[in-house]
N, C-alpha and C. Protein backbone atom coordinates (compact mmCIF):
# COMPACT_ATOMS: atom_id res chain seq x y z
N UNK A 1 0.78 -1.21 0.05
CA UNK A 1 -0.10 -0.06 0.04
C UNK A 1 0.84 1.14 -0.02
N UNK A 2 1.79 1.29 0.85
CA UNK A 2 2.74 2.59 0.91
C UNK A 2 3.88 2.49 -0.21
N UNK A 3 4.00 1.62 -0.84
CA UNK A 3 5.21 1.43 -1.92
C UNK A 3 4.83 2.49 -2.88
N UNK A 4 3.75 2.98 -3.20
CA UNK A 4 3.44 3.94 -4.20
C UNK A 4 3.87 5.33 -3.99
N UNK A 5 4.23 5.56 -2.66
CA UNK A 5 4.67 6.88 -2.00
C UNK A 5 6.26 6.90 -1.92
N UNK A 6 7.02 5.87 -2.24
CA UNK A 6 8.48 5.84 -2.17
C UNK A 6 8.87 6.42 -3.49
N UNK A 7 9.91 7.21 -3.31
CA UNK A 7 10.74 7.70 -4.69
C UNK A 7 11.15 6.72 -5.41
N UNK A 8 11.24 7.00 -6.79
CA UNK A 8 11.52 6.08 -7.66
C UNK A 8 13.06 6.04 -7.88
N UNK A 9 13.74 4.91 -7.66
CA UNK A 9 15.19 4.99 -7.82
C UNK A 9 15.58 5.34 -9.41
N UNK A 10 16.68 6.01 -9.34
CA UNK A 10 17.08 6.55 -10.80
C UNK A 10 17.81 5.55 -11.35
N UNK A 11 17.80 5.36 -12.67
CA UNK A 11 18.36 4.36 -13.53
C UNK A 11 19.96 4.74 -13.50
N UNK A 12 20.69 3.87 -13.98
CA UNK A 12 22.25 4.01 -13.78
C UNK A 12 22.68 5.15 -14.73
N UNK A 13 21.86 5.23 -15.92
CA UNK A 13 22.05 6.54 -17.08
C UNK A 13 21.75 7.75 -16.20
N UNK A 14 20.55 7.73 -15.52
CA UNK A 14 20.19 9.04 -14.80
C UNK A 14 21.26 9.22 -13.84
N UNK A 15 21.59 8.45 -13.06
CA UNK A 15 22.76 8.49 -11.92
C UNK A 15 24.04 8.89 -12.54
N UNK A 16 24.52 8.61 -13.54
CA UNK A 16 25.74 9.07 -14.29
C UNK A 16 25.57 10.33 -14.60
N UNK A 17 24.58 10.72 -15.35
CA UNK A 17 24.41 12.00 -15.89
C UNK A 17 24.16 13.15 -14.59
N UNK A 18 23.48 12.61 -13.97
CA UNK A 18 23.28 13.71 -12.48
C UNK A 18 24.57 13.69 -11.82
N UNK A 19 25.43 12.73 -11.79
CA UNK A 19 26.51 12.85 -10.77
C UNK A 19 27.66 13.68 -11.57
N UNK A 20 27.72 13.59 -12.96
CA UNK A 20 28.68 14.71 -13.69
C UNK A 20 28.02 15.99 -13.47
N UNK A 21 27.10 16.43 -13.59
CA UNK A 21 26.57 17.90 -13.52
C UNK A 21 26.65 18.27 -12.02
N UNK A 22 26.08 17.49 -11.25
CA UNK A 22 26.09 17.77 -10.03
C UNK A 22 27.24 17.96 -9.07
N UNK A 23 28.13 17.08 -9.58
CA UNK A 23 29.59 17.06 -8.96
C UNK A 23 30.16 18.52 -9.19
N UNK A 24 30.23 18.78 -10.54
CA UNK A 24 30.65 20.26 -10.76
C UNK A 24 30.19 21.47 -10.01
N UNK A 25 28.84 21.25 -10.04
CA UNK A 25 28.01 22.37 -9.33
C UNK A 25 28.19 22.38 -7.87
N UNK A 26 28.22 21.45 -7.15
CA UNK A 26 28.40 21.27 -5.77
C UNK A 26 30.11 21.71 -5.51
N UNK A 27 30.92 21.18 -6.25
CA UNK A 27 32.39 21.44 -6.07
C UNK A 27 32.53 22.90 -6.39
N UNK A 28 32.03 23.51 -7.25
CA UNK A 28 32.11 24.97 -7.45
C UNK A 28 31.71 25.77 -6.16
N UNK A 29 30.46 25.37 -5.74
CA UNK A 29 29.86 26.10 -4.58
C UNK A 29 30.91 25.97 -3.34
N UNK A 30 31.35 24.75 -2.94
CA UNK A 30 32.27 24.61 -1.89
C UNK A 30 33.60 25.23 -2.09
N UNK A 31 34.02 25.35 -3.52
CA UNK A 31 35.47 26.03 -3.58
C UNK A 31 35.26 27.52 -3.61
N UNK A 32 34.20 28.08 -3.82
CA UNK A 32 33.93 29.62 -3.94
C UNK A 32 33.49 30.23 -2.63
N UNK A 33 33.10 29.25 -1.61
CA UNK A 33 32.70 29.90 -0.37
C UNK A 33 33.44 29.27 0.83
N UNK A 34 33.45 30.03 1.96
CA UNK A 34 34.06 29.42 3.19
C UNK A 34 33.39 28.78 4.22
N UNK A 35 33.65 27.70 4.98
CA UNK A 35 33.07 27.28 5.91
C UNK A 35 31.92 26.23 5.57
N UNK A 36 32.02 25.72 4.38
CA UNK A 36 30.89 24.92 3.76
C UNK A 36 30.68 23.61 4.38
N UNK A 37 29.60 23.17 5.01
CA UNK A 37 29.33 22.13 5.48
C UNK A 37 28.18 21.34 4.70
N UNK A 38 28.01 20.04 4.82
CA UNK A 38 26.97 19.21 3.92
C UNK A 38 25.96 18.66 4.65
N UNK A 39 24.80 18.41 4.21
CA UNK A 39 23.76 17.78 4.87
C UNK A 39 23.25 16.62 3.79
N UNK A 40 23.18 15.56 4.14
CA UNK A 40 22.68 14.44 3.52
C UNK A 40 21.33 14.21 3.70
N UNK A 41 20.25 14.44 2.61
CA UNK A 41 18.88 14.06 2.75
C UNK A 41 18.44 12.96 2.08
N UNK A 42 17.83 12.08 2.81
CA UNK A 42 17.30 10.82 2.16
C UNK A 42 16.18 11.06 1.36
N UNK A 43 15.86 10.24 0.45
CA UNK A 43 14.45 10.35 -0.49
C UNK A 43 13.42 10.24 0.48
N UNK A 44 12.49 10.76 0.04
CA UNK A 44 11.12 10.64 0.75
C UNK A 44 9.97 10.44 -0.42
N UNK A 45 8.89 10.51 -0.35
CA UNK A 45 7.84 10.15 -1.06
C UNK A 45 7.77 11.07 -2.28
N UNK A 46 8.13 12.34 -1.94
CA UNK A 46 8.21 13.28 -3.03
C UNK A 46 9.49 14.05 -3.37
N UNK A 47 10.57 13.69 -2.78
CA UNK A 47 11.95 14.20 -3.13
C UNK A 47 12.82 12.98 -3.31
N UNK A 48 13.83 13.29 -4.16
CA UNK A 48 14.82 12.43 -4.35
C UNK A 48 16.06 12.75 -3.26
N UNK A 49 16.90 11.86 -3.27
CA UNK A 49 18.20 12.00 -2.35
C UNK A 49 18.81 13.27 -2.83
N UNK A 50 19.06 14.00 -1.82
CA UNK A 50 19.84 15.15 -2.04
C UNK A 50 21.05 15.61 -1.17
N UNK A 51 21.78 16.47 -1.62
CA UNK A 51 22.94 17.08 -0.75
C UNK A 51 22.73 18.50 -0.56
N UNK A 52 22.77 19.15 0.60
CA UNK A 52 22.51 20.51 0.80
C UNK A 52 23.83 20.91 1.25
N UNK A 53 24.40 22.02 0.79
CA UNK A 53 25.75 22.54 1.20
C UNK A 53 25.27 24.00 1.75
N UNK A 54 25.83 24.39 2.93
CA UNK A 54 25.73 25.57 3.57
C UNK A 54 27.15 26.13 3.80
N UNK A 55 27.05 27.44 3.54
CA UNK A 55 28.40 28.19 3.67
C UNK A 55 28.26 28.94 5.08
N UNK A 56 29.33 29.49 5.50
CA UNK A 56 29.42 30.12 6.84
C UNK A 56 28.48 31.42 6.84
N UNK A 57 28.17 31.94 5.51
CA UNK A 57 27.26 33.01 5.40
C UNK A 57 25.85 32.64 5.49
N UNK A 58 25.68 31.30 5.43
CA UNK A 58 24.20 30.91 5.56
C UNK A 58 23.78 30.50 4.19
N UNK A 59 24.43 31.03 2.99
CA UNK A 59 24.04 30.95 1.70
C UNK A 59 24.08 29.32 1.55
N UNK A 60 23.00 28.80 0.85
CA UNK A 60 23.17 27.32 0.61
C UNK A 60 22.59 26.88 -0.91
N UNK A 61 23.02 25.64 -1.11
CA UNK A 61 22.68 25.00 -2.52
C UNK A 61 22.30 23.61 -2.30
N UNK A 62 21.14 23.29 -2.81
CA UNK A 62 20.51 21.83 -2.57
C UNK A 62 20.65 21.18 -4.07
N UNK A 63 21.18 20.05 -4.14
CA UNK A 63 21.23 19.35 -5.55
C UNK A 63 20.66 17.83 -5.22
N UNK A 64 19.83 17.31 -6.18
CA UNK A 64 19.69 15.85 -6.25
C UNK A 64 20.75 15.23 -6.54
N UNK A 65 21.14 14.02 -5.89
CA UNK A 65 22.19 13.26 -6.02
C UNK A 65 21.86 11.82 -6.19
N UNK A 66 22.62 10.91 -6.88
CA UNK A 66 22.48 9.71 -7.28
C UNK A 66 22.14 8.79 -6.21
N UNK A 67 22.63 8.91 -5.04
CA UNK A 67 22.51 8.09 -3.83
C UNK A 67 23.12 8.78 -2.53
N UNK A 68 22.75 8.13 -1.26
CA UNK A 68 23.32 8.64 -0.20
C UNK A 68 24.78 8.36 -0.04
N UNK A 69 25.21 7.10 -0.71
CA UNK A 69 26.79 6.75 -0.76
C UNK A 69 27.53 7.98 -1.53
N UNK A 70 26.94 8.39 -2.73
CA UNK A 70 27.41 9.31 -3.49
C UNK A 70 27.65 10.56 -2.88
N UNK A 71 26.66 10.97 -2.13
CA UNK A 71 26.72 12.29 -1.34
C UNK A 71 27.95 12.22 -0.22
N UNK A 72 27.90 11.17 0.44
CA UNK A 72 28.91 11.04 1.56
C UNK A 72 30.33 10.99 0.95
N UNK A 73 30.51 10.17 -0.35
CA UNK A 73 31.69 10.22 -1.02
C UNK A 73 32.17 11.50 -1.48
N UNK A 74 31.11 12.51 -1.88
CA UNK A 74 31.54 13.69 -2.42
C UNK A 74 32.02 14.50 -1.20
N UNK A 75 31.39 14.31 -0.13
CA UNK A 75 31.63 15.21 1.02
C UNK A 75 32.94 14.95 1.50
N UNK A 76 33.26 13.54 1.61
CA UNK A 76 34.80 13.05 1.95
C UNK A 76 35.81 13.45 0.91
N UNK A 77 35.36 13.42 -0.31
CA UNK A 77 36.57 13.75 -1.28
C UNK A 77 36.83 15.48 -1.42
N UNK A 78 36.01 16.19 -0.85
CA UNK A 78 36.07 17.71 -1.33
C UNK A 78 36.98 18.36 -0.23
N UNK A 79 37.23 18.08 0.92
CA UNK A 79 36.47 17.48 2.10
C UNK A 79 35.54 18.42 2.75
N UNK A 80 34.11 17.89 3.16
CA UNK A 80 33.33 18.50 4.11
C UNK A 80 32.84 18.01 5.21
N UNK A 81 32.53 18.71 6.15
CA UNK A 81 31.72 18.01 7.42
C UNK A 81 30.45 17.59 6.94
N UNK A 82 30.06 16.40 7.25
CA UNK A 82 28.93 15.76 6.60
C UNK A 82 27.94 15.43 7.84
N UNK A 83 26.66 15.94 7.68
CA UNK A 83 25.64 15.65 8.56
C UNK A 83 24.58 14.92 8.03
N UNK A 84 23.62 14.45 8.75
CA UNK A 84 22.52 13.50 8.35
C UNK A 84 21.27 14.31 8.50
N UNK A 85 20.55 14.71 7.42
CA UNK A 85 19.34 15.64 7.77
C UNK A 85 18.50 14.86 8.42
N UNK A 86 17.48 15.37 9.40
CA UNK A 86 16.55 14.78 10.12
C UNK A 86 17.15 14.05 11.46
N UNK A 87 18.62 14.15 11.53
CA UNK A 87 19.28 13.74 12.66
C UNK A 87 19.75 14.88 13.34
N UNK A 88 20.77 15.59 12.38
CA UNK A 88 21.45 16.82 12.74
C UNK A 88 20.53 18.02 12.18
N UNK A 89 20.24 18.83 12.88
CA UNK A 89 19.45 20.22 12.61
C UNK A 89 20.29 20.90 11.58
N UNK A 90 19.44 21.70 10.67
CA UNK A 90 20.07 22.55 9.73
C UNK A 90 20.76 23.77 10.55
N UNK A 91 21.56 24.40 10.08
CA UNK A 91 22.06 25.52 11.02
C UNK A 91 21.29 26.78 10.99
N UNK A 92 21.22 27.57 12.02
CA UNK A 92 20.50 28.79 12.07
C UNK A 92 20.99 29.89 11.10
N UNK A 93 22.19 29.83 10.77
CA UNK A 93 22.71 30.77 9.76
C UNK A 93 22.05 30.65 8.33
N UNK A 94 21.56 29.42 8.00
CA UNK A 94 20.66 29.22 6.88
C UNK A 94 19.35 29.95 6.99
N UNK A 95 18.73 29.61 7.99
CA UNK A 95 17.47 30.27 8.07
C UNK A 95 17.56 31.88 8.07
N UNK A 96 18.65 32.43 8.75
CA UNK A 96 19.03 33.78 8.80
C UNK A 96 19.12 34.31 7.46
N UNK A 97 19.76 33.62 6.54
CA UNK A 97 20.29 34.03 5.32
C UNK A 97 18.98 34.10 4.51
N UNK A 98 18.17 33.04 4.58
CA UNK A 98 16.90 32.87 3.83
C UNK A 98 15.93 34.23 4.32
N UNK A 99 15.82 34.49 5.46
CA UNK A 99 15.02 35.56 5.95
C UNK A 99 15.48 36.96 5.39
N UNK A 100 16.67 37.21 5.48
CA UNK A 100 17.37 38.23 5.11
C UNK A 100 17.22 38.62 3.60
N UNK A 101 17.20 37.47 2.71
CA UNK A 101 17.06 37.65 1.17
C UNK A 101 15.81 37.51 0.86
N UNK A 102 14.89 37.00 1.68
CA UNK A 102 13.39 37.10 1.42
C UNK A 102 12.88 38.65 1.43
N UNK A 103 13.49 39.30 2.56
CA UNK A 103 13.06 40.82 2.87
C UNK A 103 13.51 41.47 1.65
N UNK A 104 14.72 41.28 1.23
CA UNK A 104 15.23 42.13 0.07
C UNK A 104 14.35 41.89 -1.11
N UNK A 105 13.77 40.70 -1.41
CA UNK A 105 13.00 40.63 -2.61
C UNK A 105 11.61 41.00 -2.51
N UNK A 106 11.26 41.41 -1.26
CA UNK A 106 9.73 41.70 -1.10
C UNK A 106 9.59 43.13 -1.71
N UNK A 107 8.41 43.42 -2.32
CA UNK A 107 8.19 44.74 -2.91
C UNK A 107 8.06 45.84 -1.79
N UNK A 108 8.50 47.06 -2.10
CA UNK A 108 8.41 48.10 -1.21
C UNK A 108 7.12 48.55 -1.14
N UNK A 109 6.50 48.80 0.14
CA UNK A 109 5.25 49.22 0.50
C UNK A 109 5.19 50.84 0.41
């Protein structure tokens, strides 16, 4: 009954394609910001497995990744401190960054 709510696993071709572009995008983010940490987000019924990178400024980037193992390997290779979403809380600096940038985009009254 609950099987239909599980995220569909990506094919090997999809994984390879995603890995190539995702690796470059995530590596660029990590290389161009300071204090970057990683959160591995497991697949849910409506989201695929993803990797969230958060810089020390609170700026963040989330990308879909082929697997949890891929995400952990990436974090180890870069290297980044790696957390597990749902177990380890997202940092307050991320929420602060979102709030500050949301205010800037709001129309002036």
